[in-house]
Amino acid sequence: MEKAYWELAREGLVASKDGTAFVVVALSPEQKQELLHRRLLRRDARQSAQALAPQSAAAVQNHFEEELHRAQQLQNGLLPKTLPDNAAVQVAAHTSPAHFIGGDFYDCIPLDAHRFALVIADACGKGLAAALLISQIQAILKNAVEQGFAIGQIMKSLNHHVHAYSARNFVTLFYGIFDQHTGILKFANAGHHPPLLVRAAGKIELLGTTGPALGVLAETEHQPKSIATASGDCTLFYTDGVTETMNAAREEFGEHRLLAGLFQRREHPAQQIVQQLMAELREFEAPEAFPDDKTLMAFKML
């Protein structure tokens, strides 16, 4: 009760001489008008604050989404603008992040007139953290390629960076150099899902790992492997978001469905293979499934 009296006293409606007894104050018309004016100002201030609060949250959300869109554009700009498509080979790829940005990436880097490098990688996790890590990998990789590093040196450099500067994170990565004159693909596979190679005659081979994922160990050596390709051979590179895509029954798409889809389409152009497999994934995936980054890259000998 005493608190209520002091509130009235601050309003100028009651007064107290000794702090205990309160008397009602007689107000002039001007004082009443001033009191009403103050109350209206306070009410308007409260209403404005309430109205602005959700607007401020919406503004923050809009700003955040704009920044993510910019990051998405930047990440997309790091992907190759063109891929080999000539009388000898075709390369096609597509990546679909779980959110605005993701931790997958692919690349096809020209080395000289008849050689190019093929890369696919997947940073652990999703979203901003994975995107930042994979952007570092892209930068280091391209710098190493420009300096002419051998495959083993490149893998060692990437592993050192991930282990030293990205605690408890790792990256799976396949890096290969293809020579169009010889048809030889020389590669290292750091813990990445083995690419699927379907020969023209239908035989299936896997491009297995050469060592652990980047960042798992402080020191690691990758001894490159080589495989000969011929006309009609088709190789599919993918990230785990593809095979781990789930349907409504919580069944994974799995490597068996991916391989079957590739086998059925092995005579199609590389671009068509990627497009049709991505369409099959979208049809398979349940709307409520927890999304993951998905990347496919098809490499076909003509």
Protein backbone atom coordinates (compact mmCIF):
# COMPACT_ATOMS: atom_id res chain seq x y z
CA MET A 1 0.00 0.00 0.00
CA GLU A 2 2.82 2.39 0.88
CA LYS A 3 4.35 1.81 -2.54
CA ALA A 4 1.10 2.84 -4.18
CA TYR A 5 1.08 6.09 -2.19
CA TRP A 6 4.60 6.92 -3.28
CA GLU A 7 3.59 6.27 -6.89
CA LEU A 8 0.76 8.78 -6.47
CA ALA A 9 3.18 11.20 -4.85
CA ARG A 10 5.48 11.03 -7.90
CA GLU A 11 2.43 11.87 -9.99
CA GLY A 12 1.78 14.90 -7.80
CA LEU A 13 -1.63 13.65 -6.65
CA VAL A 14 -0.80 13.25 -2.94
CA ALA A 15 1.76 14.78 -0.61
CA SER A 16 3.42 13.80 2.68
CA LYS A 17 5.20 15.92 5.27
CA ASP A 18 6.69 13.19 7.43
CA GLY A 19 6.86 10.30 4.94
CA THR A 20 4.05 8.37 6.62
CA ALA A 21 0.86 10.45 6.38
CA PHE A 22 -0.38 11.39 2.90
CA VAL A 23 -2.94 14.05 1.91
CA VAL A 24 -4.66 14.56 -1.41
CA VAL A 25 -3.35 17.54 -3.34
CA ALA A 26 -5.78 19.97 -4.92
CA LEU A 27 -4.81 20.44 -8.59
CA SER A 28 -5.49 23.40 -10.78
CA PRO A 29 -6.94 22.83 -14.30
CA GLU A 30 -3.49 23.57 -15.76
CA GLN A 31 -1.86 20.98 -13.47
CA LYS A 32 -4.49 18.40 -14.39
CA GLN A 33 -3.81 19.08 -18.08
CA GLU A 34 -0.06 18.70 -17.53
CA LEU A 35 -0.57 15.43 -15.66
CA LEU A 36 -2.77 14.08 -18.45
CA HIS A 37 -0.18 15.15 -21.02
CA ARG A 38 2.62 13.30 -19.18
CA ARG A 39 0.51 10.15 -18.95
CA LEU A 40 -0.31 10.25 -22.65
CA LEU A 41 3.38 10.65 -23.50
CA ARG A 42 4.29 7.64 -21.37
CA ARG A 43 1.50 5.57 -22.94
CA ASP A 44 2.61 6.50 -26.46
CA ALA A 45 6.22 5.64 -25.60
CA ARG A 46 5.17 2.20 -24.35
CA GLN A 47 3.03 1.56 -27.43
CA SER A 48 5.85 2.67 -29.73
CA ALA A 49 8.32 0.39 -27.99
CA GLN A 50 5.92 -2.54 -28.29
CA ALA A 51 5.32 -1.79 -31.96
CA LEU A 52 9.00 -1.37 -32.72
CA ALA A 53 10.14 -4.52 -30.92
CA PRO A 54 8.85 -7.02 -33.50
CA GLN A 55 9.92 -4.71 -36.33
CA SER A 56 13.44 -4.64 -34.94
CA ALA A 57 13.51 -8.44 -34.75
CA ALA A 58 12.24 -8.63 -38.32
CA ALA A 59 14.85 -6.11 -39.43
CA VAL A 60 17.61 -8.15 -37.79
CA GLN A 61 16.28 -11.31 -39.47
CA ASN A 62 16.14 -9.59 -42.85
CA HIS A 63 19.69 -8.29 -42.44
CA PHE A 64 20.90 -11.76 -41.47
CA GLU A 65 19.24 -13.33 -44.50
CA GLU A 66 20.73 -10.67 -46.79
CA GLU A 67 24.19 -11.48 -45.42
CA LEU A 68 23.60 -15.19 -45.99
CA HIS A 69 22.52 -14.50 -49.56
CA ARG A 70 25.74 -12.56 -50.12
CA ALA A 71 27.75 -15.43 -48.63
CA GLN A 72 25.89 -17.85 -50.89
CA GLN A 73 26.71 -15.74 -53.95
CA LEU A 74 30.35 -15.59 -52.87
CA GLN A 75 30.52 -19.36 -52.36
CA ASN A 76 28.86 -20.02 -55.70
CA GLY A 77 31.39 -17.68 -57.30
CA LEU A 78 34.20 -19.96 -56.10
CA LEU A 79 32.84 -22.89 -58.12
CA PRO A 80 34.21 -23.41 -61.63
CA LYS A 81 32.43 -21.38 -64.31
CA THR A 82 33.00 -24.04 -66.97
CA LEU A 83 33.83 -27.75 -66.91
CA PRO A 84 35.57 -29.87 -69.57
CA ASP A 85 33.25 -30.84 -72.40
CA ASN A 86 35.05 -31.79 -75.57
CA ALA A 87 35.54 -34.67 -77.97
CA ALA A 88 37.46 -36.66 -75.33
CA VAL A 89 35.85 -36.02 -71.94
CA GLN A 90 32.80 -34.58 -70.22
CA VAL A 91 32.59 -33.31 -66.64
CA ALA A 92 29.35 -32.15 -65.03
CA ALA A 93 28.56 -31.30 -61.42
CA HIS A 94 25.91 -29.94 -59.11
CA THR A 95 25.96 -28.98 -55.43
CA SER A 96 22.97 -28.33 -53.19
CA PRO A 97 23.68 -26.97 -49.69
CA ALA A 98 21.39 -27.91 -46.81
CA HIS A 99 21.04 -24.22 -45.94
CA PHE A 100 22.16 -21.04 -47.71
CA ILE A 101 25.79 -22.13 -47.63
CA GLY A 102 27.41 -25.48 -47.10
CA GLY A 103 30.55 -27.49 -46.49
CA ASP A 104 30.75 -29.31 -49.84
CA PHE A 105 32.72 -28.19 -52.84
CA TYR A 106 33.93 -29.45 -56.17
CA ASP A 107 36.40 -28.08 -58.67
CA CYS A 108 38.03 -28.80 -61.99
CA ILE A 109 41.36 -26.98 -62.34
CA PRO A 110 43.18 -26.76 -65.69
CA LEU A 111 46.87 -27.60 -65.29
CA ASP A 112 48.05 -27.41 -68.88
CA ALA A 113 46.77 -28.07 -72.40
CA HIS A 114 45.98 -31.74 -71.74
CA ARG A 115 45.76 -32.16 -67.94
CA PHE A 116 43.27 -31.02 -65.33
CA ALA A 117 42.66 -31.70 -61.65
CA LEU A 118 39.38 -33.06 -60.29
CA VAL A 119 38.43 -32.24 -56.71
CA ILE A 120 35.51 -33.02 -54.44
CA ALA A 121 35.50 -32.36 -50.70
CA ASP A 122 33.19 -32.40 -47.68
CA ALA A 123 33.87 -30.59 -44.41
CA CYS A 124 32.34 -32.12 -41.30
CA GLY A 125 29.16 -30.39 -40.22
CA LYS A 126 26.98 -27.95 -42.11
CA GLY A 127 26.28 -24.26 -42.36
CA LEU A 128 28.62 -21.36 -41.70
CA ALA A 129 31.39 -23.22 -39.82
CA ALA A 130 31.69 -25.89 -42.53
CA ALA A 131 31.54 -23.24 -45.27
CA LEU A 132 34.39 -21.26 -43.67
CA LEU A 133 36.53 -24.37 -43.35
CA ILE A 134 35.92 -25.47 -46.92
CA SER A 135 36.70 -21.98 -48.25
CA GLN A 136 40.09 -22.20 -46.54
CA ILE A 137 40.67 -25.58 -48.17
CA GLN A 138 39.79 -24.13 -51.58
CA ALA A 139 42.26 -21.27 -51.17
CA ILE A 140 45.11 -23.47 -49.94
CA LEU A 141 44.49 -26.06 -52.63
CA LYS A 142 44.49 -23.56 -55.50
CA ASN A 143 47.64 -21.92 -54.17
CA ALA A 144 49.38 -25.32 -53.95
CA VAL A 145 48.28 -26.20 -57.49
CA GLU A 146 49.58 -22.88 -58.82
CA GLN A 147 52.94 -23.59 -57.18
CA GLY A 148 53.12 -26.95 -58.91
CA PHE A 149 52.95 -29.13 -55.78
CA ALA A 150 52.73 -32.88 -56.33
CA ILE A 151 49.63 -34.73 -55.14
CA GLY A 152 51.29 -36.02 -51.97
CA GLN A 153 52.57 -32.53 -51.09
CA ILE A 154 49.13 -31.02 -51.58
CA MET A 155 47.50 -33.56 -49.28
CA LYS A 156 50.17 -33.03 -46.63
CA SER A 157 49.74 -29.24 -46.75
CA LEU A 158 45.96 -29.47 -46.48
CA ASN A 159 46.16 -31.96 -43.63
CA HIS A 160 48.54 -29.72 -41.69
CA HIS A 161 46.23 -26.74 -41.98
CA VAL A 162 43.06 -28.56 -40.92
CA HIS A 163 44.78 -30.26 -37.98
CA ALA A 164 46.54 -27.09 -36.79
CA TYR A 165 43.81 -24.50 -37.23
CA SER A 166 40.49 -26.33 -37.17
CA ALA A 167 40.37 -28.19 -33.87
CA ARG A 168 38.09 -31.25 -33.78
CA ASN A 169 37.15 -30.72 -37.43
CA PHE A 170 38.07 -32.79 -40.44
CA VAL A 171 37.60 -32.77 -44.19
CA THR A 172 37.24 -35.67 -46.59
CA LEU A 173 38.74 -34.88 -49.98
CA PHE A 174 39.47 -36.55 -53.29
CA TYR A 175 42.11 -34.94 -55.50
CA GLY A 176 43.06 -36.39 -58.86
CA ILE A 177 44.97 -35.34 -61.98
CA PHE A 178 43.69 -36.59 -65.31
CA ASP A 179 45.86 -36.76 -68.42
CA GLN A 180 43.79 -36.69 -71.59
CA HIS A 181 46.72 -37.98 -73.68
CA THR A 182 47.19 -41.17 -71.66
CA GLY A 183 43.73 -41.58 -70.09
CA ILE A 184 45.40 -42.03 -66.69
CA LEU A 185 43.78 -40.63 -63.54
CA LYS A 186 46.30 -40.28 -60.72
CA PHE A 187 44.68 -39.54 -57.37
CA ALA A 188 44.72 -39.40 -53.59
CA ASN A 189 41.62 -39.97 -51.50
CA ALA A 190 41.62 -38.61 -47.95
CA GLY A 191 38.80 -40.54 -46.32
CA HIS A 192 36.25 -39.55 -48.95
CA HIS A 193 33.54 -41.89 -50.19
CA PRO A 194 35.22 -43.90 -52.98
CA PRO A 195 34.05 -42.58 -56.37
CA LEU A 196 32.12 -45.12 -58.44
CA LEU A 197 33.67 -46.12 -61.77
CA VAL A 198 31.46 -47.97 -64.22
CA ARG A 199 33.37 -49.33 -67.20
CA ALA A 200 31.88 -49.27 -70.68
CA ALA A 201 31.40 -53.06 -70.48
CA GLY A 202 29.56 -52.73 -67.15
CA LYS A 203 32.33 -53.65 -64.69
CA ILE A 204 32.24 -51.61 -61.48
CA GLU A 205 35.33 -50.36 -59.63
CA LEU A 206 35.87 -48.11 -56.61
CA LEU A 207 38.52 -45.41 -56.33
CA GLY A 208 39.41 -46.26 -52.74
CA THR A 209 41.04 -44.20 -50.03
CA THR A 210 44.78 -43.59 -49.78
CA GLY A 211 44.71 -42.36 -46.17
CA PRO A 212 42.59 -40.81 -43.43
CA ALA A 213 40.49 -37.67 -43.69
CA LEU A 214 42.33 -34.35 -43.48
CA GLY A 215 42.90 -33.18 -39.91
CA VAL A 216 42.42 -36.52 -38.16
CA LEU A 217 46.16 -37.04 -37.63
CA ALA A 218 48.92 -34.48 -37.18
CA GLU A 219 51.05 -36.19 -39.80
CA THR A 220 49.87 -38.34 -42.64
CA GLU A 221 51.21 -39.60 -45.96
CA HIS A 222 49.12 -40.22 -49.05
CA GLN A 223 50.68 -42.43 -51.68
CA PRO A 224 48.82 -41.62 -54.91
CA LYS A 225 47.15 -44.36 -56.92
CA SER A 226 46.67 -44.49 -60.68
CA ILE A 227 43.87 -45.92 -62.77
CA ALA A 228 43.54 -46.17 -66.54
CA THR A 229 40.31 -45.02 -68.15
CA ALA A 230 38.95 -45.74 -71.61
CA SER A 231 36.17 -44.65 -73.92
CA GLY A 232 32.72 -45.16 -72.39
CA ASP A 233 33.95 -45.26 -68.77
CA CYS A 234 31.97 -43.09 -66.34
CA THR A 235 33.05 -42.09 -62.83
CA LEU A 236 30.71 -40.57 -60.26
CA PHE A 237 32.03 -38.51 -57.34
CA TYR A 238 29.66 -37.71 -54.47
CA THR A 239 29.43 -36.52 -50.86
CA ASP A 240 27.76 -38.36 -48.00
CA GLY A 241 24.70 -36.11 -48.10
CA VAL A 242 23.71 -37.99 -51.27
CA THR A 243 23.79 -41.53 -49.90
CA GLU A 244 22.44 -40.46 -46.48
CA THR A 245 19.34 -38.81 -47.94
CA MET A 246 16.30 -40.33 -46.17
CA ASN A 247 12.78 -41.09 -47.30
CA ALA A 248 9.57 -41.06 -45.21
CA ALA A 249 10.34 -44.58 -43.93
CA ARG A 250 13.75 -43.32 -42.73
CA GLU A 251 15.57 -45.46 -45.29
CA GLU A 252 18.79 -44.04 -46.69
CA PHE A 253 19.21 -43.61 -50.42
CA GLY A 254 22.43 -45.55 -50.02
CA GLU A 255 25.28 -46.43 -52.31
CA HIS A 256 23.31 -49.28 -53.91
CA ARG A 257 20.63 -46.95 -55.28
CA LEU A 258 23.25 -44.45 -56.42
CA LEU A 259 25.24 -47.15 -58.20
CA ALA A 260 22.10 -48.56 -59.81
CA GLY A 261 21.14 -45.09 -61.05
CA LEU A 262 24.62 -44.54 -62.48
CA PHE A 263 24.71 -47.98 -64.10
CA GLN A 264 21.36 -47.39 -65.83
CA ARG A 265 22.50 -44.02 -67.17
CA ARG A 266 26.15 -44.78 -67.91
CA GLU A 267 25.68 -44.17 -71.65
CA HIS A 268 24.05 -40.76 -71.12
CA PRO A 269 25.95 -37.45 -71.29
CA ALA A 270 27.58 -36.43 -67.99
CA GLN A 271 25.26 -33.45 -67.51
CA GLN A 272 22.19 -35.63 -67.96
CA ILE A 273 23.51 -38.19 -65.48
CA VAL A 274 23.92 -35.54 -62.78
CA GLN A 275 20.56 -33.91 -63.45
CA GLN A 276 18.65 -37.16 -63.41
CA LEU A 277 20.33 -38.44 -60.25
CA MET A 278 19.62 -35.16 -58.45
CA ALA A 279 15.97 -35.40 -59.55
CA GLU A 280 15.85 -38.97 -58.23
CA LEU A 281 17.23 -37.78 -54.89
CA ARG A 282 14.63 -35.02 -54.60
CA GLU A 283 11.85 -37.49 -55.33
CA PHE A 284 13.22 -39.96 -52.77
CA GLU A 285 13.78 -37.46 -49.94
CA ALA A 286 11.03 -36.97 -47.37
CA PRO A 287 9.92 -33.32 -46.89
CA GLU A 288 10.56 -33.56 -43.14
CA ALA A 289 13.97 -35.23 -43.51
CA PHE A 290 16.93 -33.52 -41.87
CA PRO A 291 18.78 -32.02 -44.86
CA ASP A 292 22.47 -32.29 -45.63
CA ASP A 293 24.73 -30.82 -48.29
CA LYS A 294 24.61 -32.86 -51.50
CA THR A 295 27.17 -32.81 -54.30
CA LEU A 296 27.50 -34.94 -57.43
CA MET A 297 30.18 -34.80 -60.11
CA ALA A 298 30.22 -37.05 -63.18
CA PHE A 299 33.37 -37.63 -65.25
CA LYS A 300 32.90 -39.45 -68.54
CA MET A 301 35.30 -40.62 -71.21
CA LEU A 302 33.94 -40.36 -74.76
